Amino acid sequence: MYTKYFGFNEKPFTLTPNPRFIFLSKNHKEAFAHLLYGINNHYGFIELTGEVGTGKTTVLRTLLGQLQDESYRTALIFSPCLTGIELLRSINTEFGLDSKSDYANELLAELNRFLLAETAAGRTVVLVIDEAQNLEPDVLEQVRLISNLETENDKLIQIILAGQPELEVLLGRPDLRQLNQRIAVRYKLCSLGMNETSSYLRQRMEVAGDTGGVSFSSSAITWIYLCTRGVPRLINILCDRALLIAMATNVAGSQPALLFAQCGNSLPIPRADGSLRSL
């Protein structure tokens, strides 16, 4: 498509989370630091929340990439719309354990043996559950029971619950107060500011092999920020469309009017109350 036209090696504004393109704003760096702090200090439960498109999954994948050495064993559960038994099976499967049993106690016993062996070997076991706001309360209670696998001195598994702001509401339920009280580290991702939006655009184009074939003027960057409110996923959607139209109309630079036109009626823009509207 437009990659060759503008001199890129690949598309700079894709929707697929790619750690190579990660842009660590001040907020994202703090989130990353909180996750590492909770894991390395064995706090047990860690919560990461953020609006749709703010970069939670990218941060998590980058974190897991950082933990790929002999000191850690990690697992990522990305589709948690599961029953308690299905979740336990998925966890055991991700860690390479037997997951055939239909009984929670047998699956937990298998997981416990694994955790004790890894702890004895000096390794930290990390479980990441993304989109955790979709878990049913009884399944979250099963997650709490997993955290009961511990020694007298230490938590055997570090569990990161990541999700949209609805996760905070879910955990605030009275019947989940035991789990909520165990979460020792919490962080909420925010969208990018105006200056960070400019840096985000530049960084993504550089990673994609920018040769100077396209540029965003300061007024265009302002429009991008106003249209997307600094939400990275919306920035990617808007800029991808703008570059496509710029190629089709033979425009080297993306101007505000062109960018605004690309918002159209299909780009969801977050309102102050968190709901979405279209321009």
C-alpha atoms as a PDB file:
ATOM      1  CA  MET A   1       0.000   0.000   0.000  1.00  0.00           C
ATOM      2  CA  TYR A   2       1.453   3.362   1.056  1.00  0.00           C
ATOM      3  CA  THR A   3       4.637   1.983   2.665  1.00  0.00           C
ATOM      4  CA  LYS A   4       6.647   2.013  -0.555  1.00  0.00           C
ATOM      5  CA  TYR A   5       5.143   5.343  -1.614  1.00  0.00           C
ATOM      6  CA  PHE A   6       6.335   7.095   1.556  1.00  0.00           C
ATOM      7  CA  GLY A   7       9.566   5.103   1.920  1.00  0.00           C
ATOM      8  CA  PHE A   8       8.641   2.998   4.954  1.00  0.00           C
ATOM      9  CA  ASN A   9       9.858  -0.553   5.474  1.00  0.00           C
ATOM     10  CA  GLU A  10       6.514  -1.438   7.066  1.00  0.00           C
ATOM     11  CA  LYS A  11       3.283   0.243   8.099  1.00  0.00           C
ATOM     12  CA  PRO A  12       3.948   2.590  11.032  1.00  0.00           C
ATOM     13  CA  PHE A  13       0.367   2.722  12.287  1.00  0.00           C
ATOM     14  CA  THR A  14      -0.953  -0.814  12.760  1.00  0.00           C
ATOM     15  CA  LEU A  15      -3.474  -2.029  15.322  1.00  0.00           C
ATOM     16  CA  THR A  16      -1.612  -5.211  16.234  1.00  0.00           C
ATOM     17  CA  PRO A  17       0.267  -4.832  19.567  1.00  0.00           C
ATOM     18  CA  ASN A  18       3.957  -4.985  18.655  1.00  0.00           C
ATOM     19  CA  PRO A  19       6.640  -4.534  21.357  1.00  0.00           C
ATOM     20  CA  ARG A  20       9.014  -3.175  18.689  1.00  0.00           C
ATOM     21  CA  PHE A  21       6.770  -0.140  18.345  1.00  0.00           C
ATOM     22  CA  ILE A  22       6.165   0.397  22.045  1.00  0.00           C
ATOM     23  CA  PHE A  23       6.185   4.038  23.049  1.00  0.00           C
ATOM     24  CA  LEU A  24       6.791   4.455  26.753  1.00  0.00           C
ATOM     25  CA  SER A  25       5.252   7.733  27.826  1.00  0.00           C
ATOM     26  CA  LYS A  26       5.830   8.875  31.402  1.00  0.00           C
ATOM     27  CA  ASN A  27       2.608   7.134  32.345  1.00  0.00           C
ATOM     28  CA  HIS A  28       3.575   3.903  30.572  1.00  0.00           C
ATOM     29  CA  LYS A  29       7.027   3.906  32.191  1.00  0.00           C
ATOM     30  CA  GLU A  30       5.401   4.247  35.602  1.00  0.00           C
ATOM     31  CA  ALA A  31       3.034   1.372  34.792  1.00  0.00           C
ATOM     32  CA  PHE A  32       5.961  -0.788  33.696  1.00  0.00           C
ATOM     33  CA  ALA A  33       7.860   0.073  36.888  1.00  0.00           C
ATOM     34  CA  HIS A  34       4.850  -0.763  39.068  1.00  0.00           C
ATOM     35  CA  LEU A  35       4.438  -4.160  37.402  1.00  0.00           C
ATOM     36  CA  LEU A  36       8.108  -5.050  37.832  1.00  0.00           C
ATOM     37  CA  TYR A  37       8.088  -3.825  41.419  1.00  0.00           C
ATOM     38  CA  GLY A  38       5.099  -5.977  42.300  1.00  0.00           C
ATOM     39  CA  ILE A  39       6.547  -9.038  40.585  1.00  0.00           C
ATOM     40  CA  ASN A  40      10.073  -8.806  41.967  1.00  0.00           C
ATOM     41  CA  ASN A  41       8.837  -8.116  45.499  1.00  0.00           C
ATOM     42  CA  HIS A  42       6.359 -11.000  45.330  1.00  0.00           C
ATOM     43  CA  TYR A  43       3.281  -9.006  46.307  1.00  0.00           C
ATOM     44  CA  GLY A  44       0.987 -11.677  44.879  1.00  0.00           C
ATOM     45  CA  PHE A  45      -1.662  -9.597  43.128  1.00  0.00           C
ATOM     46  CA  ILE A  46      -1.156  -6.641  40.784  1.00  0.00           C
ATOM     47  CA  GLU A  47      -3.859  -4.683  38.954  1.00  0.00           C
ATOM     48  CA  LEU A  48      -3.392  -2.739  35.699  1.00  0.00           C
ATOM     49  CA  THR A  49      -6.359  -0.848  34.261  1.00  0.00           C
ATOM     50  CA  GLY A  50      -6.854   1.587  31.395  1.00  0.00           C
ATOM     51  CA  GLU A  51      -9.366   2.657  28.786  1.00  0.00           C
ATOM     52  CA  VAL A  52      -9.682   0.780  25.510  1.00  0.00           C
ATOM     53  CA  GLY A  53      -6.714   1.480  23.248  1.00  0.00           C
ATOM     54  CA  THR A  54      -4.376   3.033  25.826  1.00  0.00           C
ATOM     55  CA  GLY A  55      -1.730   0.322  25.386  1.00  0.00           C
ATOM     56  CA  LYS A  56      -2.325  -2.213  28.171  1.00  0.00           C
ATOM     57  CA  THR A  57      -1.719  -5.275  26.003  1.00  0.00           C
ATOM     58  CA  THR A  58       1.430  -3.779  24.477  1.00  0.00           C
ATOM     59  CA  VAL A  59       2.810  -3.010  27.934  1.00  0.00           C
ATOM     60  CA  LEU A  60       2.020  -6.554  29.085  1.00  0.00           C
ATOM     61  CA  ARG A  61       3.653  -8.174  26.057  1.00  0.00           C
ATOM     62  CA  THR A  62       6.728  -6.001  26.508  1.00  0.00           C
ATOM     63  CA  LEU A  63       6.850  -6.937  30.184  1.00  0.00           C
ATOM     64  CA  LEU A  64       6.677 -10.635  29.370  1.00  0.00           C
ATOM     65  CA  GLY A  65       9.476 -10.127  26.859  1.00  0.00           C
ATOM     66  CA  GLN A  66      11.610  -8.642  29.634  1.00  0.00           C
ATOM     67  CA  LEU A  67      10.937 -11.643  31.863  1.00  0.00           C
ATOM     68  CA  GLN A  68      12.154 -14.260  29.378  1.00  0.00           C
ATOM     69  CA  ASP A  69      15.212 -15.502  31.255  1.00  0.00           C
ATOM     70  CA  GLU A  70      16.033 -18.292  33.686  1.00  0.00           C
ATOM     71  CA  SER A  71      14.684 -16.303  36.649  1.00  0.00           C
ATOM     72  CA  TYR A  72      11.044 -16.343  35.549  1.00  0.00           C
ATOM     73  CA  ARG A  73       8.303 -18.626  34.277  1.00  0.00           C
ATOM     74  CA  THR A  74       5.412 -16.758  32.650  1.00  0.00           C
ATOM     75  CA  ALA A  75       1.950 -17.433  31.238  1.00  0.00           C
ATOM     76  CA  LEU A  76      -0.548 -15.145  29.496  1.00  0.00           C
ATOM     77  CA  ILE A  77      -4.287 -15.817  29.484  1.00  0.00           C
ATOM     78  CA  PHE A  78      -5.796 -13.520  26.859  1.00  0.00           C
ATOM     79  CA  SER A  79      -9.365 -14.793  26.490  1.00  0.00           C
ATOM     80  CA  PRO A  80     -10.666 -15.156  30.025  1.00  0.00           C
ATOM     81  CA  CYS A  81     -14.369 -15.714  29.202  1.00  0.00           C
ATOM     82  CA  LEU A  82     -14.016 -19.089  30.863  1.00  0.00           C
ATOM     83  CA  THR A  83     -15.458 -21.123  33.693  1.00  0.00           C
ATOM     84  CA  GLY A  84     -13.325 -21.723  36.762  1.00  0.00           C
ATOM     85  CA  ILE A  85     -12.300 -25.199  35.566  1.00  0.00           C
ATOM     86  CA  GLU A  86     -11.545 -23.921  32.048  1.00  0.00           C
ATOM     87  CA  LEU A  87      -9.363 -21.168  33.487  1.00  0.00           C
ATOM     88  CA  LEU A  88      -7.409 -23.650  35.616  1.00  0.00           C
ATOM     89  CA  ARG A  89      -6.924 -25.886  32.590  1.00  0.00           C
ATOM     90  CA  SER A  90      -5.713 -22.937  30.516  1.00  0.00           C
ATOM     91  CA  ILE A  91      -3.246 -21.918  33.207  1.00  0.00           C
ATOM     92  CA  ASN A  92      -1.842 -25.433  33.532  1.00  0.00           C
ATOM     93  CA  THR A  93      -1.612 -25.756  29.757  1.00  0.00           C
ATOM     94  CA  GLU A  94       0.306 -22.489  29.479  1.00  0.00           C
ATOM     95  CA  PHE A  95       2.816 -23.731  32.048  1.00  0.00           C
ATOM     96  CA  GLY A  96       3.113 -27.097  30.288  1.00  0.00           C
ATOM     97  CA  LEU A  97       1.337 -29.037  33.025  1.00  0.00           C
ATOM     98  CA  ASP A  98      -1.288 -31.767  32.982  1.00  0.00           C
ATOM     99  CA  SER A  99      -4.651 -30.114  32.325  1.00  0.00           C
ATOM    100  CA  LYS A 100      -6.948 -33.067  31.605  1.00  0.00           C
ATOM    101  CA  SER A 101      -8.693 -33.322  34.964  1.00  0.00           C
ATOM    102  CA  ASP A 102     -12.302 -32.207  35.449  1.00  0.00           C
ATOM    103  CA  TYR A 103     -11.702 -31.438  39.127  1.00  0.00           C
ATOM    104  CA  ALA A 104     -10.403 -28.125  40.458  1.00  0.00           C
ATOM    105  CA  ASN A 105      -8.571 -29.713  43.401  1.00  0.00           C
ATOM    106  CA  GLU A 106      -6.560 -31.985  41.093  1.00  0.00           C
ATOM    107  CA  LEU A 107      -5.663 -29.123  38.751  1.00  0.00           C
ATOM    108  CA  LEU A 108      -4.648 -26.955  41.718  1.00  0.00           C
ATOM    109  CA  ALA A 109      -2.549 -29.790  43.152  1.00  0.00           C
ATOM    110  CA  GLU A 110      -0.695 -30.113  39.849  1.00  0.00           C
ATOM    111  CA  LEU A 111      -0.148 -26.352  39.745  1.00  0.00           C
ATOM    112  CA  ASN A 112       1.007 -26.304  43.366  1.00  0.00           C
ATOM    113  CA  ARG A 113       3.665 -28.977  42.717  1.00  0.00           C
ATOM    114  CA  PHE A 114       4.926 -26.919  39.797  1.00  0.00           C
ATOM    115  CA  LEU A 115       5.030 -23.701  41.854  1.00  0.00           C
ATOM    116  CA  LEU A 116       6.919 -25.356  44.708  1.00  0.00           C
ATOM    117  CA  ALA A 117       9.480 -26.789  42.281  1.00  0.00           C
ATOM    118  CA  GLU A 118       9.987 -23.445  40.540  1.00  0.00           C
ATOM    119  CA  THR A 119      10.328 -21.610  43.839  1.00  0.00           C
ATOM    120  CA  ALA A 120      12.892 -24.154  45.024  1.00  0.00           C
ATOM    121  CA  ALA A 121      14.821 -23.526  41.806  1.00  0.00           C
ATOM    122  CA  GLY A 122      14.812 -19.765  42.502  1.00  0.00           C
ATOM    123  CA  ARG A 123      12.394 -18.831  39.727  1.00  0.00           C
ATOM    124  CA  THR A 124       9.457 -16.412  39.954  1.00  0.00           C
ATOM    125  CA  VAL A 125       6.206 -17.603  38.381  1.00  0.00           C
ATOM    126  CA  VAL A 126       4.093 -14.877  36.754  1.00  0.00           C
ATOM    127  CA  LEU A 127       0.519 -15.273  35.515  1.00  0.00           C
ATOM    128  CA  VAL A 128      -1.011 -12.461  33.432  1.00  0.00           C
ATOM    129  CA  ILE A 129      -4.769 -12.404  32.838  1.00  0.00           C
ATOM    130  CA  ASP A 130      -5.665  -9.792  30.220  1.00  0.00           C
ATOM    131  CA  GLU A 131      -9.215  -8.487  29.673  1.00  0.00           C
ATOM    132  CA  ALA A 132      -9.929  -9.567  33.241  1.00  0.00           C
ATOM    133  CA  GLN A 133     -13.049  -7.374  33.380  1.00  0.00           C
ATOM    134  CA  ASN A 134     -14.767 -10.176  31.442  1.00  0.00           C
ATOM    135  CA  LEU A 135     -14.274 -12.729  34.201  1.00  0.00           C
ATOM    136  CA  GLU A 136     -17.334 -13.820  36.158  1.00  0.00           C
ATOM    137  CA  PRO A 137     -17.187 -13.223  39.940  1.00  0.00           C
ATOM    138  CA  ASP A 138     -17.021 -16.965  40.686  1.00  0.00           C
ATOM    139  CA  VAL A 139     -14.053 -17.291  38.319  1.00  0.00           C
ATOM    140  CA  LEU A 140     -12.278 -14.403  40.051  1.00  0.00           C
ATOM    141  CA  GLU A 141     -12.859 -16.254  43.293  1.00  0.00           C
ATOM    142  CA  GLN A 142     -11.061 -19.222  41.701  1.00  0.00           C
ATOM    143  CA  VAL A 143      -8.169 -16.871  40.891  1.00  0.00           C
ATOM    144  CA  ARG A 144      -8.075 -15.879  44.561  1.00  0.00           C
ATOM    145  CA  LEU A 145      -7.804 -19.541  45.538  1.00  0.00           C
ATOM    146  CA  ILE A 146      -4.797 -19.876  43.242  1.00  0.00           C
ATOM    147  CA  SER A 147      -3.118 -17.126  45.249  1.00  0.00           C
ATOM    148  CA  ASN A 148      -3.568 -19.289  48.358  1.00  0.00           C
ATOM    149  CA  LEU A 149      -0.789 -21.483  47.001  1.00  0.00           C
ATOM    150  CA  GLU A 150       1.998 -20.082  49.150  1.00  0.00           C
ATOM    151  CA  THR A 151       4.646 -20.957  51.677  1.00  0.00           C
ATOM    152  CA  GLU A 152       4.943 -19.490  55.156  1.00  0.00           C
ATOM    153  CA  ASN A 153       7.280 -16.834  53.827  1.00  0.00           C
ATOM    154  CA  ASP A 154       6.366 -16.153  50.221  1.00  0.00           C
ATOM    155  CA  LYS A 155       3.744 -16.043  47.488  1.00  0.00           C
ATOM    156  CA  LEU A 156       4.346 -18.858  45.003  1.00  0.00           C
ATOM    157  CA  ILE A 157       2.738 -17.067  42.052  1.00  0.00           C
ATOM    158  CA  GLN A 158       2.475 -13.429  40.977  1.00  0.00           C
ATOM    159  CA  ILE A 159      -0.841 -12.639  39.296  1.00  0.00           C
ATOM    160  CA  ILE A 160      -1.444  -9.575  37.126  1.00  0.00           C
ATOM    161  CA  LEU A 161      -5.088  -8.712  36.496  1.00  0.00           C
ATOM    162  CA  ALA A 162      -5.305  -6.326  33.542  1.00  0.00           C
ATOM    163  CA  GLY A 163      -8.408  -4.823  32.044  1.00  0.00           C
ATOM    164  CA  GLN A 164     -10.650  -1.882  31.298  1.00  0.00           C
ATOM    165  CA  PRO A 165     -11.963   0.413  34.088  1.00  0.00           C
ATOM    166  CA  GLU A 166     -14.895  -1.966  34.529  1.00  0.00           C
ATOM    167  CA  LEU A 167     -12.424  -4.264  36.288  1.00  0.00           C
ATOM    168  CA  GLU A 168     -12.211  -1.792  39.174  1.00  0.00           C
ATOM    169  CA  VAL A 169     -16.001  -1.799  39.458  1.00  0.00           C
ATOM    170  CA  LEU A 170     -16.083  -5.588  39.363  1.00  0.00           C
ATOM    171  CA  LEU A 171     -13.463  -5.932  42.082  1.00  0.00           C
ATOM    172  CA  GLY A 172     -15.418  -3.471  44.216  1.00  0.00           C
ATOM    173  CA  ARG A 173     -18.258  -5.972  44.632  1.00  0.00           C
ATOM    174  CA  PRO A 174     -18.817  -6.955  48.282  1.00  0.00           C
ATOM    175  CA  ASP A 175     -18.482 -10.660  47.444  1.00  0.00           C
ATOM    176  CA  LEU A 176     -15.029 -10.039  45.962  1.00  0.00           C
ATOM    177  CA  ARG A 177     -13.669  -7.988  48.858  1.00  0.00           C
ATOM    178  CA  GLN A 178     -11.235 -10.729  49.905  1.00  0.00           C
ATOM    179  CA  LEU A 179      -9.624 -10.636  46.460  1.00  0.00           C
ATOM    180  CA  ASN A 180      -9.731  -6.847  46.256  1.00  0.00           C
ATOM    181  CA  GLN A 181      -7.951  -6.504  49.586  1.00  0.00           C
ATOM    182  CA  ARG A 182      -5.113  -8.734  48.375  1.00  0.00           C
ATOM    183  CA  ILE A 183      -4.209  -6.456  45.468  1.00  0.00           C
ATOM    184  CA  ALA A 184      -1.151  -4.626  46.785  1.00  0.00           C
ATOM    185  CA  VAL A 185      -0.055  -2.828  43.601  1.00  0.00           C
ATOM    186  CA  ARG A 186      -2.453  -0.930  41.320  1.00  0.00           C
ATOM    187  CA  TYR A 187      -1.881   1.320  38.338  1.00  0.00           C
ATOM    188  CA  LYS A 188      -4.157   3.044  35.832  1.00  0.00           C
ATOM    189  CA  LEU A 189      -2.911   3.829  32.322  1.00  0.00           C
ATOM    190  CA  CYS A 190      -3.908   7.193  30.857  1.00  0.00           C
ATOM    191  CA  SER A 191      -3.934   8.463  27.280  1.00  0.00           C
ATOM    192  CA  LEU A 192      -1.096  10.535  25.811  1.00  0.00           C
ATOM    193  CA  GLY A 193      -0.716  14.296  26.173  1.00  0.00           C
ATOM    194  CA  MET A 194      -0.197  16.677  23.254  1.00  0.00           C
ATOM    195  CA  ASN A 195       3.620  16.577  23.334  1.00  0.00           C
ATOM    196  CA  GLU A 196       3.589  12.820  23.866  1.00  0.00           C
ATOM    197  CA  THR A 197       1.317  12.421  20.841  1.00  0.00           C
ATOM    198  CA  SER A 198       3.920  14.222  18.708  1.00  0.00           C
ATOM    199  CA  SER A 199       6.706  12.009  20.079  1.00  0.00           C
ATOM    200  CA  TYR A 200       4.538   8.910  19.551  1.00  0.00           C
ATOM    201  CA  LEU A 201       4.045   9.739  15.851  1.00  0.00           C
ATOM    202  CA  ARG A 202       7.740  10.383  15.320  1.00  0.00           C
ATOM    203  CA  GLN A 203       8.837   7.229  17.136  1.00  0.00           C
ATOM    204  CA  ARG A 204       6.495   4.936  15.210  1.00  0.00           C
ATOM    205  CA  MET A 205       7.589   6.361  11.856  1.00  0.00           C
ATOM    206  CA  GLU A 206      11.256   5.974  12.800  1.00  0.00           C
ATOM    207  CA  VAL A 207      10.755   2.319  13.791  1.00  0.00           C
ATOM    208  CA  ALA A 208       8.962   1.741  10.474  1.00  0.00           C
ATOM    209  CA  GLY A 209      12.021   3.057   8.601  1.00  0.00           C
ATOM    210  CA  ASP A 210      11.007   6.661   7.932  1.00  0.00           C
ATOM    211  CA  THR A 211      13.088   8.273   5.165  1.00  0.00           C
ATOM    212  CA  GLY A 212      11.423  11.680   5.292  1.00  0.00           C
ATOM    213  CA  GLY A 213       8.716  10.858   2.777  1.00  0.00           C
ATOM    214  CA  VAL A 214       5.936  12.108   5.020  1.00  0.00           C
ATOM    215  CA  SER A 215       5.611  14.672   7.791  1.00  0.00           C
ATOM    216  CA  PHE A 216       2.930  15.878  10.165  1.00  0.00           C
ATOM    217  CA  SER A 217       2.790  19.644  10.669  1.00  0.00           C
ATOM    218  CA  SER A 218       2.230  21.061  14.158  1.00  0.00           C
ATOM    219  CA  SER A 219      -1.361  21.948  13.246  1.00  0.00           C
ATOM    220  CA  ALA A 220      -1.924  18.409  11.935  1.00  0.00           C
ATOM    221  CA  ILE A 221      -0.595  16.973  15.203  1.00  0.00           C
ATOM    222  CA  THR A 222      -2.985  19.233  17.091  1.00  0.00           C
ATOM    223  CA  TRP A 223      -5.896  17.876  15.054  1.00  0.00           C
ATOM    224  CA  ILE A 224      -4.730  14.300  15.671  1.00  0.00           C
ATOM    225  CA  TYR A 225      -4.661  14.923  19.399  1.00  0.00           C
ATOM    226  CA  LEU A 226      -8.062  16.633  19.447  1.00  0.00           C
ATOM    227  CA  CYS A 227      -9.670  13.900  17.331  1.00  0.00           C
ATOM    228  CA  THR A 228      -8.253  10.998  19.342  1.00  0.00           C
ATOM    229  CA  ARG A 229      -7.784  12.499  22.830  1.00  0.00           C
ATOM    230  CA  GLY A 230      -4.339  10.907  22.819  1.00  0.00           C
ATOM    231  CA  VAL A 231      -5.578   7.304  22.708  1.00  0.00           C
ATOM    232  CA  PRO A 232      -2.837   5.346  20.863  1.00  0.00           C
ATOM    233  CA  ARG A 233      -5.191   2.951  19.069  1.00  0.00           C
ATOM    234  CA  LEU A 234      -7.307   5.828  17.730  1.00  0.00           C
ATOM    235  CA  ILE A 235      -4.136   7.676  16.679  1.00  0.00           C
ATOM    236  CA  ASN A 236      -3.095   4.625  14.669  1.00  0.00           C
ATOM    237  CA  ILE A 237      -6.501   4.338  12.975  1.00  0.00           C
ATOM    238  CA  LEU A 238      -6.578   8.017  12.050  1.00  0.00           C
ATOM    239  CA  CYS A 239      -2.993   8.253  10.802  1.00  0.00           C
ATOM    240  CA  ASP A 240      -3.237   5.032   8.807  1.00  0.00           C
ATOM    241  CA  ARG A 241      -6.262   6.418   6.961  1.00  0.00           C
ATOM    242  CA  ALA A 242      -4.665   9.824   6.504  1.00  0.00           C
ATOM    243  CA  LEU A 243      -1.532   8.348   4.899  1.00  0.00           C
ATOM    244  CA  LEU A 244      -3.639   6.183   2.623  1.00  0.00           C
ATOM    245  CA  ILE A 245      -5.629   9.218   1.431  1.00  0.00           C
ATOM    246  CA  ALA A 246      -2.443  11.292   1.173  1.00  0.00           C
ATOM    247  CA  MET A 247      -0.992   8.690  -1.181  1.00  0.00           C
ATOM    248  CA  ALA A 248      -4.200   8.508  -3.229  1.00  0.00           C
ATOM    249  CA  THR A 249      -4.313  12.305  -3.604  1.00  0.00           C
ATOM    250  CA  ASN A 250      -0.545  12.678  -4.029  1.00  0.00           C
ATOM    251  CA  VAL A 251      -0.172  14.846  -0.897  1.00  0.00           C
ATOM    252  CA  ALA A 252       3.276  14.558   0.714  1.00  0.00           C
ATOM    253  CA  GLY A 253       2.306  16.039   4.073  1.00  0.00           C
ATOM    254  CA  SER A 254      -0.830  15.284   6.052  1.00  0.00           C
ATOM    255  CA  GLN A 255      -2.773  18.510   6.613  1.00  0.00           C
ATOM    256  CA  PRO A 256      -5.418  19.189   9.305  1.00  0.00           C
ATOM    257  CA  ALA A 257      -8.367  19.291   6.921  1.00  0.00           C
ATOM    258  CA  LEU A 258      -7.388  15.920   5.451  1.00  0.00           C
ATOM    259  CA  LEU A 259      -6.917  14.374   8.887  1.00  0.00           C
ATOM    260  CA  PHE A 260     -10.199  15.755  10.161  1.00  0.00           C
ATOM    261  CA  ALA A 261     -11.987  14.379   7.136  1.00  0.00           C
ATOM    262  CA  GLN A 262     -10.619  10.906   7.917  1.00  0.00           C
ATOM    263  CA  CYS A 263     -12.342  10.905  11.306  1.00  0.00           C
ATOM    264  CA  GLY A 264     -15.621  10.810   9.384  1.00  0.00           C
ATOM    265  CA  ASN A 265     -18.486   9.076  11.124  1.00  0.00           C
ATOM    266  CA  SER A 266     -16.640   5.867  11.923  1.00  0.00           C
ATOM    267  CA  LEU A 267     -13.851   6.829  14.341  1.00  0.00           C
ATOM    268  CA  PRO A 268     -15.063   6.439  17.950  1.00  0.00           C
ATOM    269  CA  ILE A 269     -14.005   9.404  20.095  1.00  0.00           C
ATOM    270  CA  PRO A 270     -14.052   9.074  23.896  1.00  0.00           C
ATOM    271  CA  ARG A 271     -16.253  11.517  25.807  1.00  0.00           C
ATOM    272  CA  ALA A 272     -15.248  12.883  29.188  1.00  0.00           C
ATOM    273  CA  ASP A 273     -17.528  10.336  30.880  1.00  0.00           C
ATOM    274  CA  GLY A 274     -15.745   7.434  29.151  1.00  0.00           C
ATOM    275  CA  SER A 275     -18.461   6.663  26.596  1.00  0.00           C
ATOM    276  CA  LEU A 276     -17.806   6.887  22.863  1.00  0.00           C
ATOM    277  CA  ARG A 277     -19.118   9.220  20.214  1.00  0.00           C
ATOM    278  CA  SER A 278     -18.370   9.710  16.503  1.00  0.00           C
ATOM    279  CA  LEU A 279     -17.461  12.961  14.804  1.00  0.00           C
END
